[in-house]
């Protein structure tokens, strides 16, 4: 439908549904027809992911990135400072150019015209940015998911500046949802499917039955790691923590060490946090306790924003906040449903939420926060609950 549209089409890609692979095959079809394709997104990382996937799908496709070389660390295709340096202008056939929307307003891509513009992560692109990109072509495909992270802008509080192009166009027709996730197993798919996707999101036949594979060693956290419970809420019952929790950080470290002991590769383990302070604390504990720097460097500990688009076999989420008063002040950020959706849909087989039930103290929340808190409570209720006060096992 995207290939055949005369003007625009929206593709909603819930977590793990292969939207980047779909983008790559769409680009291949368009290039085969001799069309000039502009791939753009809010971040360089998203653009690189798309261009790398296109090159992987078909290595014969002429593809490059236009932009500064300092942003090319994870890029597998050629990068040019300006379009004029690329020699693509001499190509009478189709090709793919990747760049941010801003590049169209500079000498890098000024005056360069395309047939089709593919917007990746379109749910994070504001209307003004989208218009910048749309000026490059006459046919548009927007790929994103309004149920994941929304635009973040420091420049304006207006509704226009905070609305994504994907959210603005959603519900007006000309749209398709990818309904099969190849990442999440059946248990991990259930909560996001019924909470955000009207029960339409299903696990693929292969991923549905997948469970965490552990070696037979015995560890003190085996009840939490049990593959039979793909989603666990580990309640440490701590109180009064805000943006960092040493109790949670210690437990997260122990869980990582136990996973490594049971032959889970470090690159298959990810830790998602809401605050950089908690990320720094967990990273410091990992470096201090793991003498092998190669292993510690392969462990990912990062914020929700930086984890969108990534996946791991096991994801540990550290809430850090246990003070209900502080949580109520931060609720629209900390417990925003889209952020929760991103955080809990990174794992393939195992999700461990580490936090404190004290953050749910209803007395600290007003009526305007009820919907947000109901989503959080429902998420926790959907998990297997294990209580270990202050992280001390009997």
Protein backbone atom coordinates (compact mmCIF):
# COMPACT_ATOMS: atom_id res chain seq x y z
CA UNK A 1 0.00 0.00 0.00
CA UNK A 2 2.91 2.34 0.71
CA UNK A 3 4.48 1.45 -2.62
CA UNK A 4 1.24 2.10 -4.51
CA UNK A 5 0.04 5.27 -2.78
CA UNK A 6 -0.15 8.50 -4.79
CA UNK A 7 0.47 10.80 -1.84
CA UNK A 8 1.04 9.31 1.61
CA UNK A 9 0.71 6.23 3.78
CA UNK A 10 1.22 5.60 7.50
CA UNK A 11 2.72 2.39 8.85
CA UNK A 12 2.34 1.79 12.58
CA UNK A 13 5.12 -0.47 13.80
CA UNK A 14 4.62 -1.76 17.37
CA UNK A 15 7.74 -3.13 19.11
CA UNK A 16 9.52 -5.94 17.31
CA UNK A 17 7.29 -5.95 14.23
CA UNK A 18 10.14 -5.39 11.76
CA UNK A 19 9.34 -1.87 10.58
CA UNK A 20 12.97 -1.11 9.65
CA UNK A 21 13.17 -4.29 7.56
CA UNK A 22 9.89 -3.32 5.91
CA UNK A 23 11.32 0.16 5.20
CA UNK A 24 14.38 -1.45 3.58
CA UNK A 25 12.30 -3.66 1.26
CA UNK A 26 10.08 -0.69 0.36
CA UNK A 27 13.18 1.36 -0.52
CA UNK A 28 14.47 -1.50 -2.67
CA UNK A 29 11.21 -1.63 -4.67
CA UNK A 30 11.23 2.14 -5.20
CA UNK A 31 14.86 2.20 -6.33
CA UNK A 32 14.20 -0.66 -8.75
CA UNK A 33 11.62 1.66 -10.36
CA UNK A 34 14.31 4.32 -10.74
CA UNK A 35 12.95 6.52 -7.97
CA UNK A 36 15.07 8.81 -5.81
CA UNK A 37 14.39 8.05 -2.14
CA UNK A 38 15.06 10.35 0.80
CA UNK A 39 15.27 8.56 4.19
CA UNK A 40 15.00 10.87 7.17
CA UNK A 41 14.36 10.79 10.92
CA UNK A 42 14.85 12.89 14.02
CA UNK A 43 18.13 11.22 15.05
CA UNK A 44 21.26 10.15 13.22
CA UNK A 45 21.00 6.75 14.91
CA UNK A 46 17.57 6.07 13.38
CA UNK A 47 18.79 7.16 9.94
CA UNK A 48 21.86 4.93 10.23
CA UNK A 49 19.74 1.93 11.27
CA UNK A 50 17.54 2.39 8.22
CA UNK A 51 20.43 2.90 5.76
CA UNK A 52 22.37 -0.06 7.18
CA UNK A 53 19.30 -2.29 6.82
CA UNK A 54 18.75 -1.15 3.22
CA UNK A 55 22.36 -2.02 2.35
CA UNK A 56 21.98 -5.39 4.06
CA UNK A 57 18.78 -6.22 2.17
CA UNK A 58 20.41 -5.39 -1.20
CA UNK A 59 24.09 -4.45 -1.40
CA UNK A 60 23.64 -3.25 -5.02
CA UNK A 61 21.39 -0.32 -4.05
CA UNK A 62 23.19 3.06 -4.37
CA UNK A 63 22.87 4.42 -0.83
CA UNK A 64 24.70 7.04 1.23
CA UNK A 65 24.35 9.46 4.13
CA UNK A 66 24.73 13.22 3.85
CA UNK A 67 26.05 14.90 7.00
CA UNK A 68 29.02 15.56 9.23
CA UNK A 69 31.47 12.71 9.62
CA UNK A 70 31.42 12.97 13.42
CA UNK A 71 27.96 11.33 13.40
CA UNK A 72 29.00 8.19 11.46
CA UNK A 73 30.34 5.84 14.14
CA UNK A 74 27.63 3.20 13.55
CA UNK A 75 27.14 3.82 9.83
CA UNK A 76 27.91 1.02 7.33
CA UNK A 77 27.37 3.01 4.11
CA UNK A 78 29.35 5.92 2.62
CA UNK A 79 28.99 9.37 4.16
CA UNK A 80 29.44 12.65 2.28
CA UNK A 81 29.51 16.18 3.66
CA UNK A 82 27.41 17.50 0.77
CA UNK A 83 25.29 15.95 -1.97
CA UNK A 84 27.58 17.54 -4.58
CA UNK A 85 30.48 15.42 -3.27
CA UNK A 86 28.54 12.16 -3.63
CA UNK A 87 28.32 11.98 -7.47
CA UNK A 88 24.80 10.62 -6.95
CA UNK A 89 23.55 13.56 -9.01
CA UNK A 90 25.05 11.88 -12.08
CA UNK A 91 23.04 8.70 -11.41
CA UNK A 92 20.20 8.42 -13.92
CA UNK A 93 18.62 5.56 -11.96
CA UNK A 94 17.20 5.31 -8.46
CA UNK A 95 19.14 5.76 -5.24
CA UNK A 96 18.71 6.31 -1.49
CA UNK A 97 19.98 9.35 0.39
CA UNK A 98 19.75 9.60 4.18
CA UNK A 99 19.90 12.86 6.15
CA UNK A 100 18.09 14.78 8.86
CA UNK A 101 15.29 17.17 7.88
CA UNK A 102 17.62 20.06 8.73
CA UNK A 103 19.98 19.07 5.89
CA UNK A 104 17.36 20.20 3.37
CA UNK A 105 17.66 23.73 4.72
CA UNK A 106 21.45 23.86 4.30
CA UNK A 107 23.88 23.65 1.39
CA UNK A 108 24.23 19.93 2.07
CA UNK A 109 20.96 19.09 0.29
CA UNK A 110 19.60 22.47 -0.75
CA UNK A 111 17.74 22.23 -4.04
CA UNK A 112 18.04 18.43 -4.26
CA UNK A 113 14.71 16.87 -5.20
CA UNK A 114 13.43 13.36 -4.46
CA UNK A 115 10.48 11.28 -5.61
CA UNK A 116 9.65 9.68 -2.24
CA UNK A 117 10.40 10.65 1.36
CA UNK A 118 10.50 7.86 3.96
CA UNK A 119 10.16 9.12 7.54
CA UNK A 120 11.41 6.65 10.14
CA UNK A 121 10.49 7.05 13.85
CA UNK A 122 7.84 9.48 12.59
CA UNK A 123 6.10 9.53 15.98
CA UNK A 124 9.03 11.64 17.24
CA UNK A 125 9.06 14.13 14.35
CA UNK A 126 7.21 17.39 15.03
CA UNK A 127 5.05 19.06 12.39
CA UNK A 128 7.62 21.80 11.56
CA UNK A 129 10.39 19.20 11.13
CA UNK A 130 8.12 17.02 9.03
CA UNK A 131 7.36 19.92 6.70
CA UNK A 132 11.11 20.50 6.26
CA UNK A 133 11.46 16.91 5.08
CA UNK A 134 8.29 16.91 3.00
CA UNK A 135 9.59 19.81 0.89
CA UNK A 136 12.14 17.36 -0.55
CA UNK A 137 9.59 15.20 -2.40
CA UNK A 138 6.01 14.68 -3.48
CA UNK A 139 5.15 11.28 -1.98
CA UNK A 140 5.50 10.40 1.71
CA UNK A 141 5.59 7.29 3.88
CA UNK A 142 5.50 7.81 7.65
CA UNK A 143 6.71 4.88 9.74
CA UNK A 144 6.33 5.06 13.51
CA UNK A 145 4.17 4.28 16.52
CA UNK A 146 2.34 6.92 18.54
CA UNK A 147 2.19 4.42 21.41
CA UNK A 148 5.97 4.78 21.84
CA UNK A 149 8.06 7.88 22.63
CA UNK A 150 6.65 11.21 21.53
CA UNK A 151 8.47 14.39 20.42
CA UNK A 152 10.56 16.17 23.01
CA UNK A 153 11.21 19.87 22.42
CA UNK A 154 12.82 22.50 24.62
CA UNK A 155 11.86 25.39 22.39
CA UNK A 156 8.10 25.63 22.64
CA UNK A 157 5.16 24.46 24.69
CA UNK A 158 2.63 25.01 21.88
CA UNK A 159 0.45 22.11 20.79
CA UNK A 160 1.85 22.29 17.24
CA UNK A 161 5.45 21.96 18.46
CA UNK A 162 4.59 19.01 20.70
CA UNK A 163 2.46 17.09 18.15
CA UNK A 164 4.15 14.50 15.96
CA UNK A 165 3.34 14.23 12.26
CA UNK A 166 2.43 10.58 12.82
CA UNK A 167 -0.03 11.40 15.60
CA UNK A 168 -1.50 14.26 13.56
CA UNK A 169 -2.19 12.04 10.54
CA UNK A 170 -3.19 8.91 12.46
CA UNK A 171 -6.87 7.98 12.20
CA UNK A 172 -7.41 9.82 8.91
CA UNK A 173 -7.13 6.70 6.74
CA UNK A 174 -4.26 5.52 4.53
CA UNK A 175 -2.64 3.57 7.35
CA UNK A 176 -1.59 0.03 8.22
CA UNK A 177 -0.50 -1.58 11.48
CA UNK A 178 2.14 -4.31 11.52
CA UNK A 179 0.47 -6.81 13.85
CA UNK A 180 3.07 -9.56 14.39
CA UNK A 181 5.99 -9.09 16.79
CA UNK A 182 9.05 -11.22 16.15
CA UNK A 183 10.72 -10.11 19.39
CA UNK A 184 8.39 -10.63 22.34
CA UNK A 185 7.25 -14.05 23.51
CA UNK A 186 3.55 -14.65 24.16
CA UNK A 187 3.61 -13.58 27.83
CA UNK A 188 5.56 -10.39 27.15
CA UNK A 189 3.25 -9.52 24.25
CA UNK A 190 0.04 -9.77 26.28
CA UNK A 191 0.24 -6.54 28.31
CA UNK A 192 1.27 -4.10 25.54
CA UNK A 193 -1.18 -5.74 23.13
CA UNK A 194 -4.24 -5.23 25.31
CA UNK A 195 -3.07 -1.88 26.75
CA UNK A 196 -2.01 -0.11 23.55
CA UNK A 197 -2.95 -2.15 20.47
CA UNK A 198 -6.56 -3.30 20.99
CA UNK A 199 -5.37 -6.92 21.41
CA UNK A 200 -4.26 -6.96 17.76
CA UNK A 201 -0.54 -7.41 18.41
CA UNK A 202 0.45 -11.10 18.41
CA UNK A 203 3.73 -12.97 18.77
CA UNK A 204 5.03 -14.84 15.76
CA UNK A 205 4.81 -18.61 15.97
CA UNK A 206 8.54 -18.86 16.61
CA UNK A 207 8.80 -16.10 19.24
CA UNK A 208 5.61 -17.01 21.16
CA UNK A 209 7.03 -20.16 22.76
CA UNK A 210 10.54 -18.82 23.30
CA UNK A 211 11.79 -18.78 26.90
CA UNK A 212 15.02 -17.72 28.60
CA UNK A 213 17.66 -20.42 28.26
CA UNK A 214 19.75 -20.84 31.44
CA UNK A 215 22.54 -23.23 32.36
CA UNK A 216 21.83 -25.49 35.41
CA UNK A 217 23.93 -23.60 38.01
CA UNK A 218 22.13 -22.58 41.19
CA UNK A 219 22.11 -18.90 42.23
CA UNK A 220 20.46 -16.95 45.02
CA UNK A 221 18.13 -15.15 42.57
CA UNK A 222 16.79 -18.21 40.73
CA UNK A 223 13.20 -17.45 41.74
CA UNK A 224 13.46 -14.16 39.84
CA UNK A 225 15.32 -15.61 36.86
CA UNK A 226 12.95 -18.57 36.44
CA UNK A 227 12.20 -18.92 32.69
CA UNK A 228 8.66 -20.05 33.52
CA UNK A 229 7.91 -16.47 34.66
CA UNK A 230 8.81 -14.21 31.71
CA UNK A 231 7.62 -11.04 33.50
CA UNK A 232 8.54 -10.38 37.15
CA UNK A 233 8.06 -7.43 39.49
CA UNK A 234 10.73 -7.57 42.18
CA UNK A 235 9.41 -5.47 45.07
CA UNK A 236 12.26 -4.28 47.33
CA UNK A 237 9.91 -2.22 49.54
CA UNK A 238 12.49 0.54 50.01
CA UNK A 239 11.31 4.04 50.94
CA UNK A 240 12.09 7.68 50.17
CA UNK A 241 14.42 7.24 47.18
CA UNK A 242 14.09 9.69 44.29
CA UNK A 243 16.40 9.66 41.22
CA UNK A 244 18.80 7.00 42.48
CA UNK A 245 18.54 3.92 44.68
CA UNK A 246 21.59 2.07 45.96
CA UNK A 247 19.39 -0.84 47.06
CA UNK A 248 18.06 -1.28 43.53
CA UNK A 249 21.51 -0.80 41.99
CA UNK A 250 22.98 -3.53 44.22
CA UNK A 251 20.18 -5.93 43.29
CA UNK A 252 20.50 -5.12 39.59
CA UNK A 253 24.23 -5.91 39.82
CA UNK A 254 23.52 -9.23 41.57
CA UNK A 255 20.95 -10.17 38.92
CA UNK A 256 23.46 -9.41 36.16
CA UNK A 257 26.14 -11.51 37.86
CA UNK A 258 23.70 -14.42 38.25
CA UNK A 259 22.65 -14.18 34.59
CA UNK A 260 26.31 -14.24 33.51
CA UNK A 261 26.90 -17.22 35.81
CA UNK A 262 24.06 -19.03 34.07
CA UNK A 263 25.56 -18.43 30.63
CA UNK A 264 23.52 -15.47 29.44
CA UNK A 265 25.82 -13.41 27.20
CA UNK A 266 26.51 -9.83 28.34
CA UNK A 267 25.27 -8.46 25.01
CA UNK A 268 21.93 -10.16 25.72
CA UNK A 269 21.43 -8.19 28.96
CA UNK A 270 20.09 -4.64 29.10
CA UNK A 271 19.20 -2.35 31.99
CA UNK A 272 16.65 0.42 31.43
CA UNK A 273 16.53 3.37 33.81
CA UNK A 274 14.56 6.60 33.99
CA UNK A 275 17.34 8.74 35.43
CA UNK A 276 20.97 9.23 34.45
CA UNK A 277 21.93 9.27 38.14
CA UNK A 278 20.74 5.67 38.47
CA UNK A 279 22.53 4.76 35.25
CA UNK A 280 25.81 6.18 36.54
CA UNK A 281 25.44 4.33 39.86
CA UNK A 282 24.75 0.97 38.20
CA UNK A 283 27.59 1.45 35.70
CA UNK A 284 30.05 2.24 38.49
CA UNK A 285 29.05 -0.90 40.40
CA UNK A 286 29.45 -3.01 37.26
CA UNK A 287 32.94 -1.64 36.59
CA UNK A 288 33.94 -2.16 40.22
CA UNK A 289 32.70 -5.76 40.40
CA UNK A 290 33.41 -7.03 36.89
CA UNK A 291 37.15 -7.10 36.39
CA UNK A 292 36.75 -7.97 32.71
CA UNK A 293 36.23 -4.61 30.98
CA UNK A 294 35.23 -6.31 27.73
CA UNK A 295 32.25 -7.93 29.45
CA UNK A 296 31.21 -4.77 31.30
CA UNK A 297 31.39 -2.73 28.08
CA UNK A 298 28.96 -5.12 26.37
CA UNK A 299 26.35 -4.64 29.10
CA UNK A 300 23.92 -1.88 28.17
CA UNK A 301 22.67 0.43 30.93
CA UNK A 302 20.75 3.38 29.52
CA UNK A 303 17.67 5.57 29.63
CA UNK A 304 14.36 4.71 28.00
CA UNK A 305 14.97 7.28 25.26
CA UNK A 306 18.25 5.72 24.18
CA UNK A 307 16.90 2.16 24.39
CA UNK A 308 14.02 2.72 21.94
CA UNK A 309 14.65 0.59 18.88
CA UNK A 310 16.96 -1.80 20.73
CA UNK A 311 16.28 -5.29 22.04
CA UNK A 312 17.92 -7.80 24.39
CA UNK A 313 17.17 -11.31 25.63
CA UNK A 314 16.76 -9.99 29.19
CA UNK A 315 15.75 -6.48 30.24
CA UNK A 316 15.97 -5.25 33.83
CA UNK A 317 14.04 -2.04 34.55
CA UNK A 318 15.16 -0.03 37.58
CA UNK A 319 12.52 2.51 38.66
CA UNK A 320 14.81 4.01 41.38
CA UNK A 321 11.93 6.13 42.75
CA UNK A 322 10.18 4.78 45.85
CA UNK A 323 8.98 8.07 47.36
CA UNK A 324 5.31 8.35 46.37
CA UNK A 325 5.43 12.11 46.95
CA UNK A 326 8.34 12.53 44.55
CA UNK A 327 6.80 10.04 42.11
CA UNK A 328 3.57 12.05 42.02
CA UNK A 329 5.57 15.14 41.02
CA UNK A 330 7.32 13.19 38.26
CA UNK A 331 4.43 10.91 37.27
CA UNK A 332 3.79 12.42 33.83
CA UNK A 333 7.46 11.78 32.99
CA UNK A 334 8.32 8.69 35.01
CA UNK A 335 5.15 6.68 34.39
CA UNK A 336 4.08 8.08 31.02
CA UNK A 337 2.36 5.13 29.29
CA UNK A 338 4.45 5.49 26.11
CA UNK A 339 7.66 5.35 28.17
CA UNK A 340 6.45 2.25 30.00
CA UNK A 341 5.57 0.67 26.66
CA UNK A 342 9.08 1.25 25.31
CA UNK A 343 10.77 0.05 28.51
CA UNK A 344 8.90 -3.25 28.81
CA UNK A 345 8.99 -4.20 25.12
CA UNK A 346 12.79 -4.37 24.75
CA UNK A 347 13.20 -8.04 25.94
CA UNK A 348 12.74 -11.18 23.89
CA UNK A 349 12.18 -13.62 26.76
CA UNK A 350 12.60 -12.04 30.21
CA UNK A 351 11.47 -8.78 31.83
CA UNK A 352 12.42 -7.93 35.42
CA UNK A 353 10.94 -4.79 36.96
CA UNK A 354 12.92 -3.74 40.04
CA UNK A 355 11.21 -1.21 42.27
CA UNK A 356 9.18 -0.56 45.38
CA UNK A 357 5.43 -0.89 45.89
CA UNK A 358 5.68 2.25 48.04
CA UNK A 359 5.78 4.33 44.85
CA UNK A 360 2.14 3.33 44.29
CA UNK A 361 0.83 4.99 47.45
CA UNK A 362 -2.52 6.31 46.19
CA UNK A 363 -2.72 9.11 48.79
CA UNK A 364 0.00 11.05 46.96
CA UNK A 365 -1.69 11.16 43.54
CA UNK A 366 -4.47 13.49 42.40
CA UNK A 367 -7.36 12.67 40.09
CA UNK A 368 -5.57 13.95 36.99
CA UNK A 369 -2.92 11.25 37.46
CA UNK A 370 -5.37 8.38 37.91
CA UNK A 371 -5.17 7.14 34.31
CA UNK A 372 -1.36 7.08 34.33
CA UNK A 373 -1.21 5.28 37.65
CA UNK A 374 -3.86 2.76 36.57
CA UNK A 375 -1.64 1.81 33.62
CA UNK A 376 1.36 1.34 35.92
CA UNK A 377 -0.62 -0.72 38.44
CA UNK A 378 -2.00 -2.87 35.65
CA UNK A 379 1.55 -3.49 34.35
CA UNK A 380 2.78 -4.55 37.79
CA UNK A 381 -0.32 -6.67 38.36
CA UNK A 382 0.37 -8.50 35.08
CA UNK A 383 3.80 -9.58 36.37
CA UNK A 384 4.73 -12.39 38.73
CA UNK A 385 5.24 -10.59 42.07
CA UNK A 386 8.25 -11.37 44.29
CA UNK A 387 8.88 -9.40 47.51
CA UNK A 388 12.40 -9.10 48.89
CA UNK A 389 12.48 -6.23 51.44
CA UNK A 390 15.54 -4.01 50.82
CA UNK A 391 17.00 -6.70 48.58
CA UNK A 392 17.92 -8.96 51.50
CA UNK A 393 17.12 -12.61 50.85
CA UNK A 394 16.39 -14.84 53.86
